Amino acid sequence: TLSVIEQMVPGRPVEDRVLDIMAPEVREAF
């Protein structure tokens, strides 16, 4: 499950498409 663990590693990317598909309030909180 590398994709979820990656989010705990400093300097790893967050994809723009991930942010785009989130609900606005969820995006801000994330």
mmCIF file of all heavy atoms, coordinates in Angstrom:
data_MODEL
# 
_entry.id   MODEL 
# 
loop_
_atom_site.group_PDB 
_atom_site.id 
_atom_site.type_symbol 
_atom_site.label_atom_id 
_atom_site.label_alt_id 
_atom_site.label_comp_id 
_atom_site.label_asym_id 
_atom_site.label_entity_id 
_atom_site.label_seq_id 
_atom_site.pdbx_PDB_ins_code 
_atom_site.Cartn_x 
_atom_site.Cartn_y 
_atom_site.Cartn_z 
_atom_site.occupancy 
_atom_site.B_iso_or_equiv 
_atom_site.pdbx_formal_charge 
_atom_site.auth_seq_id 
_atom_site.auth_comp_id 
_atom_site.auth_asym_id 
_atom_site.auth_atom_id 
_atom_site.pdbx_PDB_model_num 
ATOM 1   N N   . THR A 1 1  ? 0.852   -1.190 0.000   1.00 0.00 ? 1  THR A N   1 
ATOM 2   C CA  . THR A 1 1  ? 0.000   0.000  0.000   1.00 0.00 ? 1  THR A CA  1 
ATOM 3   C C   . THR A 1 1  ? 0.891   1.245  0.000   1.00 0.00 ? 1  THR A C   1 
ATOM 4   O O   . THR A 1 1  ? 0.719   2.162  0.808   1.00 0.00 ? 1  THR A O   1 
ATOM 5   C CB  . THR A 1 1  ? -0.947  0.015  1.216   1.00 0.00 ? 1  THR A CB  1 
ATOM 6   O OG1 . THR A 1 1  ? -0.168  -0.014 2.419   1.00 0.00 ? 1  THR A OG1 1 
ATOM 7   C CG2 . THR A 1 1  ? -1.882  -1.180 1.205   1.00 0.00 ? 1  THR A CG2 1 
ATOM 8   N N   . LEU A 1 2  ? 1.824   1.285  -0.923  1.00 0.00 ? 2  LEU A N   1 
ATOM 9   C CA  . LEU A 1 2  ? 2.831   2.346  -0.926  1.00 0.00 ? 2  LEU A CA  1 
ATOM 10  C C   . LEU A 1 2  ? 2.231   3.735  -1.095  1.00 0.00 ? 2  LEU A C   1 
ATOM 11  O O   . LEU A 1 2  ? 2.748   4.713  -0.554  1.00 0.00 ? 2  LEU A O   1 
ATOM 12  C CB  . LEU A 1 2  ? 3.862   2.081  -2.021  1.00 0.00 ? 2  LEU A CB  1 
ATOM 13  C CG  . LEU A 1 2  ? 4.755   0.843  -1.828  1.00 0.00 ? 2  LEU A CG  1 
ATOM 14  C CD1 . LEU A 1 2  ? 5.628   0.618  -3.045  1.00 0.00 ? 2  LEU A CD1 1 
ATOM 15  C CD2 . LEU A 1 2  ? 5.614   0.982  -0.564  1.00 0.00 ? 2  LEU A CD2 1 
ATOM 16  N N   . SER A 1 3  ? 1.130   3.851  -1.831  1.00 0.00 ? 3  SER A N   1 
ATOM 17  C CA  . SER A 1 3  ? 0.598   5.183  -2.118  1.00 0.00 ? 3  SER A CA  1 
ATOM 18  C C   . SER A 1 3  ? 0.088   5.892  -0.875  1.00 0.00 ? 3  SER A C   1 
ATOM 19  O O   . SER A 1 3  ? 0.147   7.121  -0.792  1.00 0.00 ? 3  SER A O   1 
ATOM 20  C CB  . SER A 1 3  ? -0.498  5.105  -3.180  1.00 0.00 ? 3  SER A CB  1 
ATOM 21  O OG  . SER A 1 3  ? -1.588  4.308  -2.757  1.00 0.00 ? 3  SER A OG  1 
ATOM 22  N N   . VAL A 1 4  ? -0.424  5.147  0.102   1.00 0.00 ? 4  VAL A N   1 
ATOM 23  C CA  . VAL A 1 4  ? -0.881  5.807  1.335   1.00 0.00 ? 4  VAL A CA  1 
ATOM 24  C C   . VAL A 1 4  ? 0.294   6.108  2.259   1.00 0.00 ? 4  VAL A C   1 
ATOM 25  O O   . VAL A 1 4  ? 0.327   7.145  2.938   1.00 0.00 ? 4  VAL A O   1 
ATOM 26  C CB  . VAL A 1 4  ? -1.961  4.979  2.058   1.00 0.00 ? 4  VAL A CB  1 
ATOM 27  C CG1 . VAL A 1 4  ? -1.403  3.706  2.671   1.00 0.00 ? 4  VAL A CG1 1 
ATOM 28  C CG2 . VAL A 1 4  ? -2.650  5.810  3.134   1.00 0.00 ? 4  VAL A CG2 1 
ATOM 29  N N   . ILE A 1 5  ? 1.292   5.235  2.275   1.00 0.00 ? 5  ILE A N   1 
ATOM 30  C CA  . ILE A 1 5  ? 2.457   5.464  3.136   1.00 0.00 ? 5  ILE A CA  1 
ATOM 31  C C   . ILE A 1 5  ? 3.298   6.621  2.608   1.00 0.00 ? 5  ILE A C   1 
ATOM 32  O O   . ILE A 1 5  ? 3.877   7.391  3.385   1.00 0.00 ? 5  ILE A O   1 
ATOM 33  C CB  . ILE A 1 5  ? 3.290   4.167  3.241   1.00 0.00 ? 5  ILE A CB  1 
ATOM 34  C CG1 . ILE A 1 5  ? 2.448   3.037  3.836   1.00 0.00 ? 5  ILE A CG1 1 
ATOM 35  C CG2 . ILE A 1 5  ? 4.550   4.396  4.082   1.00 0.00 ? 5  ILE A CG2 1 
ATOM 36  C CD1 . ILE A 1 5  ? 3.058   1.668  3.726   1.00 0.00 ? 5  ILE A CD1 1 
ATOM 37  N N   . GLU A 1 6  ? 3.324   6.787  1.299   1.00 0.00 ? 6  GLU A N   1 
ATOM 38  C CA  . GLU A 1 6  ? 4.092   7.877  0.692   1.00 0.00 ? 6  GLU A CA  1 
ATOM 39  C C   . GLU A 1 6  ? 3.702   9.233  1.271   1.00 0.00 ? 6  GLU A C   1 
ATOM 40  O O   . GLU A 1 6  ? 4.553   10.132 1.403   1.00 0.00 ? 6  GLU A O   1 
ATOM 41  C CB  . GLU A 1 6  ? 3.869   7.872  -0.816  1.00 0.00 ? 6  GLU A CB  1 
ATOM 42  C CG  . GLU A 1 6  ? 4.617   8.978  -1.546  1.00 0.00 ? 6  GLU A CG  1 
ATOM 43  C CD  . GLU A 1 6  ? 4.275   9.050  -3.021  1.00 0.00 ? 6  GLU A CD  1 
ATOM 44  O OE1 . GLU A 1 6  ? 3.131   8.728  -3.390  1.00 0.00 ? 6  GLU A OE1 1 
ATOM 45  O OE2 . GLU A 1 6  ? 5.160   9.433  -3.801  1.00 0.00 ? 6  GLU A OE2 1 
ATOM 46  N N   . GLN A 1 7  ? 2.427   9.391  1.614   1.00 0.00 ? 7  GLN A N   1 
ATOM 47  C CA  . GLN A 1 7  ? 1.956   10.678 2.129   1.00 0.00 ? 7  GLN A CA  1 
ATOM 48  C C   . GLN A 1 7  ? 2.549   11.022 3.488   1.00 0.00 ? 7  GLN A C   1 
ATOM 49  O O   . GLN A 1 7  ? 2.434   12.163 3.945   1.00 0.00 ? 7  GLN A O   1 
ATOM 50  C CB  . GLN A 1 7  ? 0.431   10.657 2.215   1.00 0.00 ? 7  GLN A CB  1 
ATOM 51  C CG  . GLN A 1 7  ? -0.268  10.567 0.874   1.00 0.00 ? 7  GLN A CG  1 
ATOM 52  C CD  . GLN A 1 7  ? 0.017   11.789 0.007   1.00 0.00 ? 7  GLN A CD  1 
ATOM 53  O OE1 . GLN A 1 7  ? -0.110  12.914 0.452   1.00 0.00 ? 7  GLN A OE1 1 
ATOM 54  N NE2 . GLN A 1 7  ? 0.437   11.554 -1.219  1.00 0.00 ? 7  GLN A NE2 1 
ATOM 55  N N   . MET A 1 8  ? 3.182   10.055 4.143   1.00 0.00 ? 8  MET A N   1 
ATOM 56  C CA  . MET A 1 8  ? 3.805   10.297 5.443   1.00 0.00 ? 8  MET A CA  1 
ATOM 57  C C   . MET A 1 8  ? 5.296   10.586 5.319   1.00 0.00 ? 8  MET A C   1 
ATOM 58  O O   . MET A 1 8  ? 5.969   10.805 6.330   1.00 0.00 ? 8  MET A O   1 
ATOM 59  C CB  . MET A 1 8  ? 3.601   9.074  6.346   1.00 0.00 ? 8  MET A CB  1 
ATOM 60  C CG  . MET A 1 8  ? 2.155   8.650  6.480   1.00 0.00 ? 8  MET A CG  1 
ATOM 61  S SD  . MET A 1 8  ? 2.011   7.097  7.405   1.00 0.00 ? 8  MET A SD  1 
ATOM 62  C CE  . MET A 1 8  ? 0.359   6.565  6.899   1.00 0.00 ? 8  MET A CE  1 
ATOM 63  N N   . VAL A 1 9  ? 5.815   10.577 4.089   1.00 0.00 ? 9  VAL A N   1 
ATOM 64  C CA  . VAL A 1 9  ? 7.240   10.783 3.846   1.00 0.00 ? 9  VAL A CA  1 
ATOM 65  C C   . VAL A 1 9  ? 7.467   12.225 3.411   1.00 0.00 ? 9  VAL A C   1 
ATOM 66  O O   . VAL A 1 9  ? 6.795   12.696 2.488   1.00 0.00 ? 9  VAL A O   1 
ATOM 67  C CB  . VAL A 1 9  ? 7.760   9.811  2.768   1.00 0.00 ? 9  VAL A CB  1 
ATOM 68  C CG1 . VAL A 1 9  ? 9.260   9.994  2.551   1.00 0.00 ? 9  VAL A CG1 1 
ATOM 69  C CG2 . VAL A 1 9  ? 7.447   8.365  3.151   1.00 0.00 ? 9  VAL A CG2 1 
ATOM 70  N N   . PRO A 1 10 ? 8.365   12.955 4.053   1.00 0.00 ? 10 PRO A N   1 
ATOM 71  C CA  . PRO A 1 10 ? 8.554   14.366 3.694   1.00 0.00 ? 10 PRO A CA  1 
ATOM 72  C C   . PRO A 1 10 ? 9.046   14.533 2.261   1.00 0.00 ? 10 PRO A C   1 
ATOM 73  O O   . PRO A 1 10 ? 9.849   13.754 1.762   1.00 0.00 ? 10 PRO A O   1 
ATOM 74  C CB  . PRO A 1 10 ? 9.604   14.850 4.696   1.00 0.00 ? 10 PRO A CB  1 
ATOM 75  C CG  . PRO A 1 10 ? 10.296  13.623 5.174   1.00 0.00 ? 10 PRO A CG  1 
ATOM 76  C CD  . PRO A 1 10 ? 9.266   12.541 5.144   1.00 0.00 ? 10 PRO A CD  1 
ATOM 77  N N   . GLY A 1 11 ? 8.510   15.574 1.621   1.00 0.00 ? 11 GLY A N   1 
ATOM 78  C CA  . GLY A 1 11 ? 8.974   15.924 0.285   1.00 0.00 ? 11 GLY A CA  1 
ATOM 79  C C   . GLY A 1 11 ? 8.353   15.144 -0.842  1.00 0.00 ? 11 GLY A C   1 
ATOM 80  O O   . GLY A 1 11 ? 8.675   15.373 -2.011  1.00 0.00 ? 11 GLY A O   1 
ATOM 81  N N   . ARG A 1 12 ? 7.441   14.215 -0.537  1.00 0.00 ? 12 ARG A N   1 
ATOM 82  C CA  . ARG A 1 12 ? 6.793   13.443 -1.605  1.00 0.00 ? 12 ARG A CA  1 
ATOM 83  C C   . ARG A 1 12 ? 5.659   14.269 -2.211  1.00 0.00 ? 12 ARG A C   1 
ATOM 84  O O   . ARG A 1 12 ? 5.046   15.101 -1.542  1.00 0.00 ? 12 ARG A O   1 
ATOM 85  C CB  . ARG A 1 12 ? 6.252   12.122 -1.062  1.00 0.00 ? 12 ARG A CB  1 
ATOM 86  C CG  . ARG A 1 12 ? 7.268   11.250 -0.370  1.00 0.00 ? 12 ARG A CG  1 
ATOM 87  C CD  . ARG A 1 12 ? 8.346   10.736 -1.288  1.00 0.00 ? 12 ARG A CD  1 
ATOM 88  N NE  . ARG A 1 12 ? 7.820   9.848  -2.311  1.00 0.00 ? 12 ARG A NE  1 
ATOM 89  C CZ  . ARG A 1 12 ? 8.584   9.100  -3.114  1.00 0.00 ? 12 ARG A CZ  1 
ATOM 90  N NH1 . ARG A 1 12 ? 9.904   9.178  -3.029  1.00 0.00 ? 12 ARG A NH1 1 
ATOM 91  N NH2 . ARG A 1 12 ? 8.043   8.308  -4.002  1.00 0.00 ? 12 ARG A NH2 1 
ATOM 92  N N   . PRO A 1 13 ? 5.341   14.056 -3.483  1.00 0.00 ? 13 PRO A N   1 
ATOM 93  C CA  . PRO A 1 13 ? 4.383   14.924 -4.168  1.00 0.00 ? 13 PRO A CA  1 
ATOM 94  C C   . PRO A 1 13 ? 2.928   14.642 -3.808  1.00 0.00 ? 13 PRO A C   1 
ATOM 95  O O   . PRO A 1 13 ? 2.577   13.540 -3.393  1.00 0.00 ? 13 PRO A O   1 
ATOM 96  C CB  . PRO A 1 13 ? 4.628   14.600 -5.648  1.00 0.00 ? 13 PRO A CB  1 
ATOM 97  C CG  . PRO A 1 13 ? 5.093   13.166 -5.638  1.00 0.00 ? 13 PRO A CG  1 
ATOM 98  C CD  . PRO A 1 13 ? 5.932   13.046 -4.385  1.00 0.00 ? 13 PRO A CD  1 
ATOM 99  N N   . VAL A 1 14 ? 2.100   15.671 -3.970  1.00 0.00 ? 14 VAL A N   1 
ATOM 100 C CA  . VAL A 1 14 ? 0.645   15.535 -3.970  1.00 0.00 ? 14 VAL A CA  1 
ATOM 101 C C   . VAL A 1 14 ? 0.190   15.913 -5.372  1.00 0.00 ? 14 VAL A C   1 
ATOM 102 O O   . VAL A 1 14 ? 0.477   17.016 -5.850  1.00 0.00 ? 14 VAL A O   1 
ATOM 103 C CB  . VAL A 1 14 ? -0.024  16.446 -2.923  1.00 0.00 ? 14 VAL A CB  1 
ATOM 104 C CG1 . VAL A 1 14 ? -1.544  16.339 -3.030  1.00 0.00 ? 14 VAL A CG1 1 
ATOM 105 C CG2 . VAL A 1 14 ? 0.438   16.090 -1.523  1.00 0.00 ? 14 VAL A CG2 1 
ATOM 106 N N   . GLU A 1 15 ? -0.491  15.005 -6.039  1.00 0.00 ? 15 GLU A N   1 
ATOM 107 C CA  . GLU A 1 15 ? -0.872  15.244 -7.423  1.00 0.00 ? 15 GLU A CA  1 
ATOM 108 C C   . GLU A 1 15 ? -1.996  16.278 -7.520  1.00 0.00 ? 15 GLU A C   1 
ATOM 109 O O   . GLU A 1 15 ? -2.928  16.290 -6.716  1.00 0.00 ? 15 GLU A O   1 
ATOM 110 C CB  . GLU A 1 15 ? -1.343  13.944 -8.079  1.00 0.00 ? 15 GLU A CB  1 
ATOM 111 C CG  . GLU A 1 15 ? -0.293  12.845 -8.091  1.00 0.00 ? 15 GLU A CG  1 
ATOM 112 C CD  . GLU A 1 15 ? -0.864  11.554 -8.650  1.00 0.00 ? 15 GLU A CD  1 
ATOM 113 O OE1 . GLU A 1 15 ? -1.453  11.592 -9.741  1.00 0.00 ? 15 GLU A OE1 1 
ATOM 114 O OE2 . GLU A 1 15 ? -0.726  10.518 -7.987  1.00 0.00 ? 15 GLU A OE2 1 
ATOM 115 N N   . ASP A 1 16 ? -1.901  17.141 -8.544  1.00 0.00 ? 16 ASP A N   1 
ATOM 116 C CA  . ASP A 1 16 ? -2.949  18.137 -8.781  1.00 0.00 ? 16 ASP A CA  1 
ATOM 117 C C   . ASP A 1 16 ? -4.309  17.482 -8.996  1.00 0.00 ? 16 ASP A C   1 
ATOM 118 O O   . ASP A 1 16 ? -5.332  17.997 -8.537  1.00 0.00 ? 16 ASP A O   1 
ATOM 119 C CB  . ASP A 1 16 ? -2.603  18.991 -10.000 1.00 0.00 ? 16 ASP A CB  1 
ATOM 120 C CG  . ASP A 1 16 ? -1.451  19.950 -9.722  1.00 0.00 ? 16 ASP A CG  1 
ATOM 121 O OD1 . ASP A 1 16 ? -1.150  20.204 -8.533  1.00 0.00 ? 16 ASP A OD1 1 
ATOM 122 O OD2 . ASP A 1 16 ? -0.844  20.445 -10.694 1.00 0.00 ? 16 ASP A OD2 1 
ATOM 123 N N   . ARG A 1 17 ? -4.333  16.344 -9.671  1.00 0.00 ? 17 ARG A N   1 
ATOM 124 C CA  . ARG A 1 17 ? -5.613  15.694 -9.956  1.00 0.00 ? 17 ARG A CA  1 
ATOM 125 C C   . ARG A 1 17 ? -6.289  15.213 -8.668  1.00 0.00 ? 17 ARG A C   1 
ATOM 126 O O   . ARG A 1 17 ? -7.512  15.145 -8.594  1.00 0.00 ? 17 ARG A O   1 
ATOM 127 C CB  . ARG A 1 17 ? -5.434  14.532 -10.929 1.00 0.00 ? 17 ARG A CB  1 
ATOM 128 C CG  . ARG A 1 17 ? -4.582  13.386 -10.391 1.00 0.00 ? 17 ARG A CG  1 
ATOM 129 C CD  . ARG A 1 17 ? -4.512  12.228 -11.352 1.00 0.00 ? 17 ARG A CD  1 
ATOM 130 N NE  . ARG A 1 17 ? -3.803  11.102 -10.744 1.00 0.00 ? 17 ARG A NE  1 
ATOM 131 C CZ  . ARG A 1 17 ? -3.994  9.838  -11.093 1.00 0.00 ? 17 ARG A CZ  1 
ATOM 132 N NH1 . ARG A 1 17 ? -4.852  9.530  -12.040 1.00 0.00 ? 17 ARG A NH1 1 
ATOM 133 N NH2 . ARG A 1 17 ? -3.306  8.878  -10.506 1.00 0.00 ? 17 ARG A NH2 1 
ATOM 134 N N   . VAL A 1 18 ? -5.475  14.870 -7.659  1.00 0.00 ? 18 VAL A N   1 
ATOM 135 C CA  . VAL A 1 18 ? -6.025  14.477 -6.362  1.00 0.00 ? 18 VAL A CA  1 
ATOM 136 C C   . VAL A 1 18 ? -6.750  15.653 -5.730  1.00 0.00 ? 18 VAL A C   1 
ATOM 137 O O   . VAL A 1 18 ? -7.861  15.522 -5.220  1.00 0.00 ? 18 VAL A O   1 
ATOM 138 C CB  . VAL A 1 18 ? -4.911  13.942 -5.443  1.00 0.00 ? 18 VAL A CB  1 
ATOM 139 C CG1 . VAL A 1 18 ? -5.405  13.814 -4.005  1.00 0.00 ? 18 VAL A CG1 1 
ATOM 140 C CG2 . VAL A 1 18 ? -4.403  12.587 -5.946  1.00 0.00 ? 18 VAL A CG2 1 
ATOM 141 N N   . LEU A 1 19 ? -6.124  16.820 -5.776  1.00 0.00 ? 19 LEU A N   1 
ATOM 142 C CA  . LEU A 1 19 ? -6.744  18.011 -5.203  1.00 0.00 ? 19 LEU A CA  1 
ATOM 143 C C   . LEU A 1 19 ? -7.998  18.405 -5.985  1.00 0.00 ? 19 LEU A C   1 
ATOM 144 O O   . LEU A 1 19 ? -9.002  18.816 -5.393  1.00 0.00 ? 19 LEU A O   1 
ATOM 145 C CB  . LEU A 1 19 ? -5.739  19.164 -5.196  1.00 0.00 ? 19 LEU A CB  1 
ATOM 146 C CG  . LEU A 1 19 ? -4.461  18.931 -4.383  1.00 0.00 ? 19 LEU A CG  1 
ATOM 147 C CD1 . LEU A 1 19 ? -3.519  20.117 -4.541  1.00 0.00 ? 19 LEU A CD1 1 
ATOM 148 C CD2 . LEU A 1 19 ? -4.783  18.692 -2.920  1.00 0.00 ? 19 LEU A CD2 1 
ATOM 149 N N   . ASP A 1 20 ? -7.957  18.265 -7.299  1.00 0.00 ? 20 ASP A N   1 
ATOM 150 C CA  . ASP A 1 20 ? -9.082  18.681 -8.138  1.00 0.00 ? 20 ASP A CA  1 
ATOM 151 C C   . ASP A 1 20 ? -10.335 17.855 -7.892  1.00 0.00 ? 20 ASP A C   1 
ATOM 152 O O   . ASP A 1 20 ? -11.454 18.361 -8.017  1.00 0.00 ? 20 ASP A O   1 
ATOM 153 C CB  . ASP A 1 20 ? -8.705  18.581 -9.624  1.00 0.00 ? 20 ASP A CB  1 
ATOM 154 C CG  . ASP A 1 20 ? -7.694  19.634 -10.044 1.00 0.00 ? 20 ASP A CG  1 
ATOM 155 O OD1 . ASP A 1 20 ? -7.530  20.620 -9.294  1.00 0.00 ? 20 ASP A OD1 1 
ATOM 156 O OD2 . ASP A 1 20 ? -7.058  19.457 -11.097 1.00 0.00 ? 20 ASP A OD2 1 
ATOM 157 N N   . ILE A 1 21 ? -10.161 16.579 -7.555  1.00 0.00 ? 21 ILE A N   1 
ATOM 158 C CA  . ILE A 1 21 ? -11.336 15.711 -7.430  1.00 0.00 ? 21 ILE A CA  1 
ATOM 159 C C   . ILE A 1 21 ? -11.939 15.754 -6.026  1.00 0.00 ? 21 ILE A C   1 
ATOM 160 O O   . ILE A 1 21 ? -13.048 15.284 -5.807  1.00 0.00 ? 21 ILE A O   1 
ATOM 161 C CB  . ILE A 1 21 ? -10.981 14.261 -7.839  1.00 0.00 ? 21 ILE A CB  1 
ATOM 162 C CG1 . ILE A 1 21 ? -12.225 13.537 -8.343  1.00 0.00 ? 21 ILE A CG1 1 
ATOM 163 C CG2 . ILE A 1 21 ? -10.305 13.507 -6.695  1.00 0.00 ? 21 ILE A CG2 1 
ATOM 164 C CD1 . ILE A 1 21 ? -11.942 12.289 -9.129  1.00 0.00 ? 21 ILE A CD1 1 
ATOM 165 N N   . MET A 1 22 ? -11.224 16.350 -5.074  1.00 0.00 ? 22 MET A N   1 
ATOM 166 C CA  . MET A 1 22 ? -11.734 16.467 -3.709  1.00 0.00 ? 22 MET A CA  1 
ATOM 167 C C   . MET A 1 22 ? -12.839 17.516 -3.626  1.00 0.00 ? 22 MET A C   1 
ATOM 168 O O   . MET A 1 22 ? -12.831 18.514 -4.365  1.00 0.00 ? 22 MET A O   1 
ATOM 169 C CB  . MET A 1 22 ? -10.615 16.886 -2.749  1.00 0.00 ? 22 MET A CB  1 
ATOM 170 C CG  . MET A 1 22 ? -9.581  15.836 -2.433  1.00 0.00 ? 22 MET A CG  1 
ATOM 171 S SD  . MET A 1 22 ? -8.311  16.558 -1.334  1.00 0.00 ? 22 MET A SD  1 
ATOM 172 C CE  . MET A 1 22 ? -7.306  15.117 -0.987  1.00 0.00 ? 22 MET A CE  1 
ATOM 173 N N   . ALA A 1 23 ? -13.743 17.326 -2.693  1.00 0.00 ? 23 ALA A N   1 
ATOM 174 C CA  . ALA A 1 23 ? -14.694 18.376 -2.348  1.00 0.00 ? 23 ALA A CA  1 
ATOM 175 C C   . ALA A 1 23 ? -13.902 19.576 -1.821  1.00 0.00 ? 23 ALA A C   1 
ATOM 176 O O   . ALA A 1 23 ? -12.888 19.399 -1.130  1.00 0.00 ? 23 ALA A O   1 
ATOM 177 C CB  . ALA A 1 23 ? -15.677 17.880 -1.300  1.00 0.00 ? 23 ALA A CB  1 
ATOM 178 N N   . PRO A 1 24 ? -14.322 20.805 -2.144  1.00 0.00 ? 24 PRO A N   1 
ATOM 179 C CA  . PRO A 1 24 ? -13.526 21.990 -1.761  1.00 0.00 ? 24 PRO A CA  1 
ATOM 180 C C   . PRO A 1 24 ? -13.160 22.046 -0.286  1.00 0.00 ? 24 PRO A C   1 
ATOM 181 O O   . PRO A 1 24 ? -12.005 22.325 0.069   1.00 0.00 ? 24 PRO A O   1 
ATOM 182 C CB  . PRO A 1 24 ? -14.436 23.156 -2.158  1.00 0.00 ? 24 PRO A CB  1 
ATOM 183 C CG  . PRO A 1 24 ? -15.258 22.618 -3.283  1.00 0.00 ? 24 PRO A CG  1 
ATOM 184 C CD  . PRO A 1 24 ? -15.505 21.169 -2.941  1.00 0.00 ? 24 PRO A CD  1 
ATOM 185 N N   . GLU A 1 25 ? -14.130 21.780 0.602   1.00 0.00 ? 25 GLU A N   1 
ATOM 186 C CA  . GLU A 1 25 ? -13.831 21.869 2.024   1.00 0.00 ? 25 GLU A CA  1 
ATOM 187 C C   . GLU A 1 25 ? -12.874 20.763 2.464   1.00 0.00 ? 25 GLU A C   1 
ATOM 188 O O   . GLU A 1 25 ? -12.065 20.943 3.382   1.00 0.00 ? 25 GLU A O   1 
ATOM 189 C CB  . GLU A 1 25 ? -15.128 21.819 2.845   1.00 0.00 ? 25 GLU A CB  1 
ATOM 190 C CG  . GLU A 1 25 ? -15.911 20.517 2.757   1.00 0.00 ? 25 GLU A CG  1 
ATOM 191 C CD  . GLU A 1 25 ? -16.862 20.438 1.570   1.00 0.00 ? 25 GLU A CD  1 
ATOM 192 O OE1 . GLU A 1 25 ? -16.681 21.223 0.606   1.00 0.00 ? 25 GLU A OE1 1 
ATOM 193 O OE2 . GLU A 1 25 ? -17.787 19.600 1.616   1.00 0.00 ? 25 GLU A OE2 1 
ATOM 194 N N   . VAL A 1 26 ? -12.942 19.599 1.807   1.00 0.00 ? 26 VAL A N   1 
ATOM 195 C CA  . VAL A 1 26 ? -12.028 18.497 2.111   1.00 0.00 ? 26 VAL A CA  1 
ATOM 196 C C   . VAL A 1 26 ? -10.626 18.844 1.638   1.00 0.00 ? 26 VAL A C   1 
ATOM 197 O O   . VAL A 1 26 ? -9.638  18.567 2.322   1.00 0.00 ? 26 VAL A O   1 
ATOM 198 C CB  . VAL A 1 26 ? -12.533 17.190 1.452   1.00 0.00 ? 26 VAL A CB  1 
ATOM 199 C CG1 . VAL A 1 26 ? -11.512 16.071 1.621   1.00 0.00 ? 26 VAL A CG1 1 
ATOM 200 C CG2 . VAL A 1 26 ? -13.872 16.784 2.051   1.00 0.00 ? 26 VAL A CG2 1 
ATOM 201 N N   . ARG A 1 27 ? -10.541 19.475 0.467   1.00 0.00 ? 27 ARG A N   1 
ATOM 202 C CA  . ARG A 1 27 ? -9.243  19.880 -0.069  1.00 0.00 ? 27 ARG A CA  1 
ATOM 203 C C   . ARG A 1 27 ? -8.535  20.845 0.893   1.00 0.00 ? 27 ARG A C   1 
ATOM 204 O O   . ARG A 1 27 ? -7.348  20.686 1.187   1.00 0.00 ? 27 ARG A O   1 
ATOM 205 C CB  . ARG A 1 27 ? -9.422  20.544 -1.429  1.00 0.00 ? 27 ARG A CB  1 
ATOM 206 C CG  . ARG A 1 27 ? -8.113  20.957 -2.110  1.00 0.00 ? 27 ARG A CG  1 
ATOM 207 C CD  . ARG A 1 27 ? -8.375  21.781 -3.369  1.00 0.00 ? 27 ARG A CD  1 
ATOM 208 N NE  . ARG A 1 27 ? -9.385  21.167 -4.187  1.00 0.00 ? 27 ARG A NE  1 
ATOM 209 C CZ  . ARG A 1 27 ? -10.517 21.771 -4.588  1.00 0.00 ? 27 ARG A CZ  1 
ATOM 210 N NH1 . ARG A 1 27 ? -10.754 23.014 -4.227  1.00 0.00 ? 27 ARG A NH1 1 
ATOM 211 N NH2 . ARG A 1 27 ? -11.376 21.136 -5.353  1.00 0.00 ? 27 ARG A NH2 1 
ATOM 212 N N   . GLU A 1 28 ? -9.268  21.825 1.382   1.00 0.00 ? 28 GLU A N   1 
ATOM 213 C CA  . GLU A 1 28 ? -8.668  22.805 2.284   1.00 0.00 ? 28 GLU A CA  1 
ATOM 214 C C   . GLU A 1 28 ? -8.190  22.137 3.574   1.00 0.00 ? 28 GLU A C   1 
ATOM 215 O O   . GLU A 1 28 ? -7.090  22.413 4.062   1.00 0.00 ? 28 GLU A O   1 
ATOM 216 C CB  . GLU A 1 28 ? -9.680  23.903 2.594   1.00 0.00 ? 28 GLU A CB  1 
ATOM 217 C CG  . GLU A 1 28 ? -10.026 24.780 1.396   1.00 0.00 ? 28 GLU A CG  1 
ATOM 218 C CD  . GLU A 1 28 ? -11.139 25.759 1.712   1.00 0.00 ? 28 GLU A CD  1 
ATOM 219 O OE1 . GLU A 1 28 ? -11.482 25.889 2.909   1.00 0.00 ? 28 GLU A OE1 1 
ATOM 220 O OE2 . GLU A 1 28 ? -11.671 26.389 0.776   1.00 0.00 ? 28 GLU A OE2 1 
ATOM 221 N N   . ALA A 1 29 ? -9.025  21.258 4.118   1.00 0.00 ? 29 ALA A N   1 
ATOM 222 C CA  . ALA A 1 29 ? -8.651  20.563 5.356   1.00 0.00 ? 29 ALA A CA  1 
ATOM 223 C C   . ALA A 1 29 ? -7.466  19.638 5.125   1.00 0.00 ? 29 ALA A C   1 
ATOM 224 O O   . ALA A 1 29 ? -6.568  19.524 5.976   1.00 0.00 ? 29 ALA A O   1 
ATOM 225 C CB  . ALA A 1 29 ? -9.851  19.782 5.886   1.00 0.00 ? 29 ALA A CB  1 
ATOM 226 N N   . PHE A 1 30 ? -7.443  18.960 3.959   1.00 0.00 ? 30 PHE A N   1 
ATOM 227 C CA  . PHE A 1 30 ? -6.329  18.070 3.648   1.00 0.00 ? 30 PHE A CA  1 
ATOM 228 C C   . PHE A 1 30 ? -5.020  18.836 3.554   1.00 0.00 ? 30 PHE A C   1 
ATOM 229 O O   . PHE A 1 30 ? -3.996  18.424 4.116   1.00 0.00 ? 30 PHE A O   1 
ATOM 230 C CB  . PHE A 1 30 ? -6.582  17.309 2.347   1.00 0.00 ? 30 PHE A CB  1 
ATOM 231 C CG  . PHE A 1 30 ? -5.323  16.735 1.758   1.00 0.00 ? 30 PHE A CG  1 
ATOM 232 C CD1 . PHE A 1 30 ? -4.679  15.670 2.369   1.00 0.00 ? 30 PHE A CD1 1 
ATOM 233 C CD2 . PHE A 1 30 ? -4.739  17.309 0.636   1.00 0.00 ? 30 PHE A CD2 1 
ATOM 234 C CE1 . PHE A 1 30 ? -3.488  15.162 1.858   1.00 0.00 ? 30 PHE A CE1 1 
ATOM 235 C CE2 . PHE A 1 30 ? -3.558  16.814 0.121   1.00 0.00 ? 30 PHE A CE2 1 
ATOM 236 C CZ  . PHE A 1 30 ? -2.932  15.730 0.731   1.00 0.00 ? 30 PHE A CZ  1 
# 
